[in-house]
Amino acid sequence: NAEYGDECFDVFDDIFPGSPKWTNYVRCGAKGFCEYLSTSGQELPPNAAVQLLVDGTIPVAAGLSSSSALVCASLGALMAAHGFRIHKVKMAALACESERYIGTEGGGMDQA
């Protein structure tokens, strides 16, 4: 969608809470992936990169948890791209925690 355009970011850049830009939710998933690596004693490979294409038909701000879906999708895509598999319950919990980087204090139902 030309309305949103391409976005490039460094996973280590800060996310400013309360900034609802759609790419910040993808960043939350990426930060969650890095958090997972850190807590499991692994590191992101140097110069690691990934290209993601995000598409959908959910209307913006429709109250359908599209932001949580972006966090879950980006986290899952990065896990798959780097060959990691975790239980879906743990993935949902990690996605919920990761969304807090943008200031969302959800209880995990949207991610489940």
N, C-alpha and C. Protein backbone atom coordinates (compact mmCIF):
# COMPACT_ATOMS: atom_id res chain seq x y z
N ASN A 1 0.84 -1.17 0.00
CA ASN A 1 0.00 0.00 0.00
C ASN A 1 0.89 1.23 0.00
N ALA A 2 0.76 2.03 -1.00
CA ALA A 2 1.58 3.23 -1.13
C ALA A 2 1.38 4.21 0.02
N GLU A 3 0.26 4.12 0.70
CA GLU A 3 -0.01 5.01 1.83
C GLU A 3 1.01 4.81 2.95
N TYR A 4 1.53 3.60 3.08
CA TYR A 4 2.44 3.30 4.19
C TYR A 4 3.90 3.27 3.77
N GLY A 5 4.19 2.88 2.57
CA GLY A 5 5.55 2.91 2.07
C GLY A 5 6.51 1.94 2.73
N ASP A 6 7.75 1.99 2.27
CA ASP A 6 8.80 1.12 2.81
C ASP A 6 9.37 1.73 4.09
N GLU A 7 9.88 0.87 4.91
CA GLU A 7 10.48 1.32 6.18
C GLU A 7 11.70 0.45 6.45
N CYS A 8 12.74 1.06 6.91
CA CYS A 8 13.96 0.35 7.28
C CYS A 8 14.33 0.80 8.70
N PHE A 9 14.71 -0.15 9.54
CA PHE A 9 15.08 0.24 10.91
C PHE A 9 16.12 -0.70 11.48
N ASP A 10 16.79 -0.22 12.49
CA ASP A 10 17.75 -1.01 13.25
C ASP A 10 17.02 -1.50 14.49
N VAL A 11 17.11 -2.79 14.75
CA VAL A 11 16.38 -3.38 15.87
C VAL A 11 16.79 -2.77 17.21
N PHE A 12 17.97 -2.19 17.25
CA PHE A 12 18.45 -1.63 18.51
C PHE A 12 18.03 -0.17 18.71
N ASP A 13 17.39 0.42 17.72
CA ASP A 13 16.87 1.78 17.87
C ASP A 13 15.74 1.79 18.89
N ASP A 14 15.59 2.91 19.57
CA ASP A 14 14.51 3.04 20.55
C ASP A 14 13.16 3.14 19.87
N ILE A 15 12.15 2.66 20.57
CA ILE A 15 10.76 2.84 20.17
C ILE A 15 10.16 3.79 21.20
N PHE A 16 9.57 4.85 20.73
CA PHE A 16 9.03 5.82 21.66
C PHE A 16 7.59 5.46 22.01
N PRO A 17 7.32 5.17 23.28
CA PRO A 17 5.96 4.80 23.70
C PRO A 17 4.92 5.81 23.22
N GLY A 18 3.80 5.28 22.83
CA GLY A 18 2.70 6.13 22.38
C GLY A 18 2.79 6.51 20.92
N SER A 19 3.77 5.99 20.20
CA SER A 19 3.92 6.29 18.78
C SER A 19 3.28 5.17 17.98
N PRO A 20 2.05 5.36 17.49
CA PRO A 20 1.31 4.27 16.86
C PRO A 20 1.68 3.96 15.41
N LYS A 21 2.81 4.46 14.93
CA LYS A 21 3.23 4.17 13.56
C LYS A 21 3.29 2.65 13.39
N TRP A 22 2.74 2.12 12.32
CA TRP A 22 2.61 0.67 12.16
C TRP A 22 3.94 -0.06 12.26
N THR A 23 5.00 0.55 11.76
CA THR A 23 6.30 -0.14 11.81
C THR A 23 6.82 -0.30 13.23
N ASN A 24 6.35 0.51 14.14
CA ASN A 24 6.80 0.36 15.52
C ASN A 24 6.30 -0.96 16.13
N TYR A 25 5.19 -1.45 15.66
CA TYR A 25 4.70 -2.74 16.15
C TYR A 25 5.54 -3.88 15.60
N VAL A 26 6.03 -3.73 14.37
CA VAL A 26 6.98 -4.70 13.81
C VAL A 26 8.28 -4.64 14.60
N ARG A 27 8.71 -3.44 14.95
CA ARG A 27 9.91 -3.27 15.78
C ARG A 27 9.75 -3.96 17.13
N CYS A 28 8.57 -3.88 17.71
CA CYS A 28 8.32 -4.55 18.99
C CYS A 28 8.57 -6.05 18.86
N GLY A 29 8.09 -6.64 17.78
CA GLY A 29 8.34 -8.06 17.54
C GLY A 29 9.81 -8.35 17.38
N ALA A 30 10.53 -7.47 16.68
CA ALA A 30 11.97 -7.65 16.48
C ALA A 30 12.71 -7.54 17.82
N LYS A 31 12.31 -6.60 18.64
CA LYS A 31 12.94 -6.46 19.95
C LYS A 31 12.64 -7.68 20.82
N GLY A 32 11.45 -8.21 20.70
CA GLY A 32 11.10 -9.42 21.44
C GLY A 32 11.97 -10.59 21.01
N PHE A 33 12.25 -10.67 19.70
CA PHE A 33 13.13 -11.72 19.19
C PHE A 33 14.53 -11.58 19.79
N CYS A 34 15.04 -10.36 19.81
CA CYS A 34 16.37 -10.12 20.41
C CYS A 34 16.37 -10.44 21.90
N GLU A 35 15.27 -10.12 22.57
CA GLU A 35 15.14 -10.43 23.99
C GLU A 35 15.17 -11.95 24.20
N TYR A 36 14.48 -12.67 23.33
CA TYR A 36 14.48 -14.13 23.40
C TYR A 36 15.90 -14.66 23.23
N LEU A 37 16.62 -14.13 22.23
CA LEU A 37 17.99 -14.56 22.01
C LEU A 37 18.85 -14.31 23.24
N SER A 38 18.71 -13.13 23.82
CA SER A 38 19.50 -12.76 24.98
C SER A 38 19.25 -13.68 26.17
N THR A 39 17.98 -13.95 26.44
CA THR A 39 17.65 -14.79 27.61
C THR A 39 17.98 -16.26 27.39
N SER A 40 18.18 -16.65 26.10
CA SER A 40 18.55 -18.03 25.83
C SER A 40 20.06 -18.16 25.57
N GLY A 41 20.80 -17.08 25.89
CA GLY A 41 22.25 -17.12 25.78
C GLY A 41 22.79 -17.05 24.36
N GLN A 42 22.01 -16.49 23.43
CA GLN A 42 22.44 -16.39 22.04
C GLN A 42 22.48 -14.93 21.63
N GLU A 43 23.10 -14.66 20.51
CA GLU A 43 23.20 -13.29 20.01
C GLU A 43 22.71 -13.22 18.58
N LEU A 44 22.28 -12.05 18.20
CA LEU A 44 21.91 -11.79 16.82
C LEU A 44 23.19 -11.81 15.99
N PRO A 45 23.22 -12.57 14.91
CA PRO A 45 24.43 -12.61 14.08
C PRO A 45 24.78 -11.21 13.57
N PRO A 46 26.09 -10.92 13.44
CA PRO A 46 26.49 -9.59 12.93
C PRO A 46 25.90 -9.37 11.54
N ASN A 47 25.46 -8.16 11.31
CA ASN A 47 24.88 -7.75 10.02
C ASN A 47 23.66 -8.58 9.61
N ALA A 48 22.98 -9.16 10.57
CA ALA A 48 21.76 -9.91 10.26
C ALA A 48 20.71 -8.94 9.71
N ALA A 49 20.00 -9.39 8.72
CA ALA A 49 18.96 -8.55 8.14
C ALA A 49 17.84 -9.44 7.64
N VAL A 50 16.67 -8.85 7.53
CA VAL A 50 15.52 -9.57 7.01
C VAL A 50 14.62 -8.57 6.30
N GLN A 51 13.98 -9.01 5.25
CA GLN A 51 13.00 -8.18 4.56
C GLN A 51 11.64 -8.81 4.80
N LEU A 52 10.71 -8.01 5.26
CA LEU A 52 9.36 -8.48 5.51
C LEU A 52 8.39 -7.70 4.64
N LEU A 53 7.41 -8.38 4.13
CA LEU A 53 6.32 -7.73 3.41
C LEU A 53 5.07 -7.89 4.28
N VAL A 54 4.47 -6.78 4.61
CA VAL A 54 3.27 -6.80 5.44
C VAL A 54 2.10 -6.34 4.58
N ASP A 55 1.03 -7.14 4.61
CA ASP A 55 -0.14 -6.82 3.81
C ASP A 55 -1.38 -7.24 4.58
N GLY A 56 -2.46 -6.58 4.35
CA GLY A 56 -3.70 -6.95 5.02
C GLY A 56 -4.83 -6.04 4.61
N THR A 57 -6.02 -6.38 5.09
CA THR A 57 -7.19 -5.60 4.74
C THR A 57 -7.94 -5.11 5.98
N ILE A 58 -7.33 -5.26 7.15
CA ILE A 58 -7.98 -4.78 8.38
C ILE A 58 -7.93 -3.27 8.40
N PRO A 59 -9.05 -2.59 8.59
CA PRO A 59 -9.03 -1.12 8.64
C PRO A 59 -8.22 -0.62 9.83
N VAL A 60 -7.50 0.47 9.61
CA VAL A 60 -6.70 1.08 10.66
C VAL A 60 -7.59 1.51 11.82
N ALA A 61 -7.14 1.24 13.03
CA ALA A 61 -7.83 1.64 14.27
C ALA A 61 -9.26 1.09 14.34
N ALA A 62 -9.47 -0.12 13.83
CA ALA A 62 -10.80 -0.72 13.83
C ALA A 62 -11.09 -1.50 15.11
N GLY A 63 -10.11 -1.56 16.01
CA GLY A 63 -10.33 -2.28 17.26
C GLY A 63 -10.26 -3.79 17.08
N LEU A 64 -9.52 -4.25 16.06
CA LEU A 64 -9.44 -5.68 15.78
C LEU A 64 -8.07 -6.27 16.12
N SER A 65 -7.33 -5.62 16.99
CA SER A 65 -6.03 -6.09 17.46
C SER A 65 -5.00 -6.20 16.35
N SER A 66 -5.08 -5.34 15.34
CA SER A 66 -4.11 -5.40 14.25
C SER A 66 -2.70 -5.09 14.74
N SER A 67 -2.56 -4.24 15.74
CA SER A 67 -1.23 -3.94 16.26
C SER A 67 -0.62 -5.18 16.91
N SER A 68 -1.40 -5.90 17.68
CA SER A 68 -0.92 -7.14 18.30
C SER A 68 -0.60 -8.18 17.24
N ALA A 69 -1.39 -8.21 16.17
CA ALA A 69 -1.13 -9.15 15.08
C ALA A 69 0.21 -8.84 14.42
N LEU A 70 0.54 -7.56 14.27
CA LEU A 70 1.83 -7.19 13.69
C LEU A 70 2.99 -7.63 14.58
N VAL A 71 2.83 -7.46 15.89
CA VAL A 71 3.88 -7.89 16.81
C VAL A 71 4.07 -9.41 16.71
N CYS A 72 2.98 -10.14 16.76
CA CYS A 72 3.05 -11.61 16.68
C CYS A 72 3.64 -12.07 15.35
N ALA A 73 3.20 -11.47 14.27
CA ALA A 73 3.66 -11.87 12.94
C ALA A 73 5.15 -11.59 12.75
N SER A 74 5.60 -10.42 13.19
CA SER A 74 7.01 -10.10 13.01
C SER A 74 7.88 -10.98 13.91
N LEU A 75 7.44 -11.22 15.12
CA LEU A 75 8.18 -12.10 16.04
C LEU A 75 8.26 -13.51 15.45
N GLY A 76 7.14 -14.01 14.98
CA GLY A 76 7.11 -15.35 14.38
C GLY A 76 7.95 -15.45 13.12
N ALA A 77 7.91 -14.41 12.29
CA ALA A 77 8.70 -14.40 11.05
C ALA A 77 10.19 -14.42 11.36
N LEU A 78 10.60 -13.64 12.33
CA LEU A 78 12.03 -13.62 12.69
C LEU A 78 12.47 -14.93 13.32
N MET A 79 11.61 -15.51 14.14
CA MET A 79 11.93 -16.82 14.72
C MET A 79 12.13 -17.84 13.60
N ALA A 80 11.20 -17.87 12.66
CA ALA A 80 11.28 -18.83 11.56
C ALA A 80 12.48 -18.57 10.65
N ALA A 81 12.74 -17.30 10.36
CA ALA A 81 13.86 -16.95 9.47
C ALA A 81 15.20 -17.37 10.05
N HIS A 82 15.28 -17.40 11.36
CA HIS A 82 16.55 -17.75 12.01
C HIS A 82 16.54 -19.16 12.61
N GLY A 83 15.50 -19.93 12.28
CA GLY A 83 15.47 -21.34 12.66
C GLY A 83 15.12 -21.64 14.11
N PHE A 84 14.42 -20.74 14.78
CA PHE A 84 14.01 -20.97 16.16
C PHE A 84 12.56 -21.40 16.22
N ARG A 85 12.26 -22.29 17.13
CA ARG A 85 10.88 -22.72 17.37
C ARG A 85 10.64 -22.71 18.86
N ILE A 86 9.55 -22.09 19.27
CA ILE A 86 9.16 -22.13 20.68
C ILE A 86 7.68 -22.46 20.74
N HIS A 87 7.25 -22.92 21.88
CA HIS A 87 5.84 -23.28 22.07
C HIS A 87 4.97 -22.05 21.85
N LYS A 88 3.80 -22.25 21.27
CA LYS A 88 2.93 -21.12 20.94
C LYS A 88 2.47 -20.33 22.17
N VAL A 89 2.37 -20.95 23.31
CA VAL A 89 2.00 -20.22 24.53
C VAL A 89 3.13 -19.29 24.95
N LYS A 90 4.36 -19.78 24.85
CA LYS A 90 5.52 -18.94 25.17
C LYS A 90 5.64 -17.82 24.15
N MET A 91 5.36 -18.11 22.88
CA MET A 91 5.40 -17.09 21.83
C MET A 91 4.39 -15.99 22.11
N ALA A 92 3.18 -16.36 22.51
CA ALA A 92 2.14 -15.37 22.81
C ALA A 92 2.56 -14.50 24.01
N ALA A 93 3.14 -15.12 25.02
CA ALA A 93 3.60 -14.36 26.19
C ALA A 93 4.72 -13.40 25.81
N LEU A 94 5.65 -13.87 24.98
CA LEU A 94 6.75 -13.02 24.53
C LEU A 94 6.23 -11.86 23.69
N ALA A 95 5.25 -12.12 22.83
CA ALA A 95 4.66 -11.06 22.01
C ALA A 95 3.96 -10.03 22.89
N CYS A 96 3.27 -10.48 23.91
CA CYS A 96 2.60 -9.57 24.84
C CYS A 96 3.62 -8.68 25.54
N GLU A 97 4.68 -9.29 26.03
CA GLU A 97 5.74 -8.51 26.68
C GLU A 97 6.39 -7.55 25.70
N SER A 98 6.59 -7.98 24.47
CA SER A 98 7.25 -7.16 23.47
C SER A 98 6.43 -5.93 23.09
N GLU A 99 5.13 -6.05 23.11
CA GLU A 99 4.27 -4.92 22.75
C GLU A 99 4.39 -3.79 23.78
N ARG A 100 4.91 -4.08 24.91
CA ARG A 100 5.07 -3.06 25.95
C ARG A 100 6.15 -2.05 25.58
N TYR A 101 7.01 -2.38 24.60
CA TYR A 101 8.00 -1.41 24.14
C TYR A 101 7.34 -0.16 23.58
N ILE A 102 6.12 -0.29 23.11
CA ILE A 102 5.42 0.86 22.55
C ILE A 102 4.44 1.47 23.56
N GLY A 103 4.38 0.86 24.73
CA GLY A 103 3.55 1.41 25.80
C GLY A 103 2.23 0.71 26.00
N THR A 104 1.98 -0.36 25.27
CA THR A 104 0.73 -1.11 25.42
C THR A 104 0.85 -2.05 26.60
N GLU A 105 -0.09 -2.02 27.50
CA GLU A 105 -0.08 -2.88 28.68
C GLU A 105 -1.22 -3.88 28.58
N GLY A 106 -1.22 -4.67 27.53
CA GLY A 106 -2.26 -5.66 27.33
C GLY A 106 -2.06 -6.88 28.22
N GLY A 107 -3.08 -7.67 28.32
CA GLY A 107 -3.03 -8.86 29.18
C GLY A 107 -2.71 -10.14 28.46
N GLY A 108 -2.53 -10.10 27.15
CA GLY A 108 -2.14 -11.29 26.42
C GLY A 108 -3.25 -11.94 25.60
N MET A 109 -4.48 -11.50 25.77
CA MET A 109 -5.58 -12.10 25.01
C MET A 109 -5.46 -11.82 23.52
N ASP A 110 -5.02 -10.61 23.16
CA ASP A 110 -4.89 -10.26 21.75
C ASP A 110 -3.83 -11.11 21.07
N GLN A 111 -2.77 -11.46 21.79
CA GLN A 111 -1.69 -12.23 21.21
C GLN A 111 -2.02 -13.72 21.15
N ALA A 112 -2.87 -14.18 22.03
CA ALA A 112 -3.23 -15.60 22.08
C ALA A 112 -4.09 -15.93 20.89
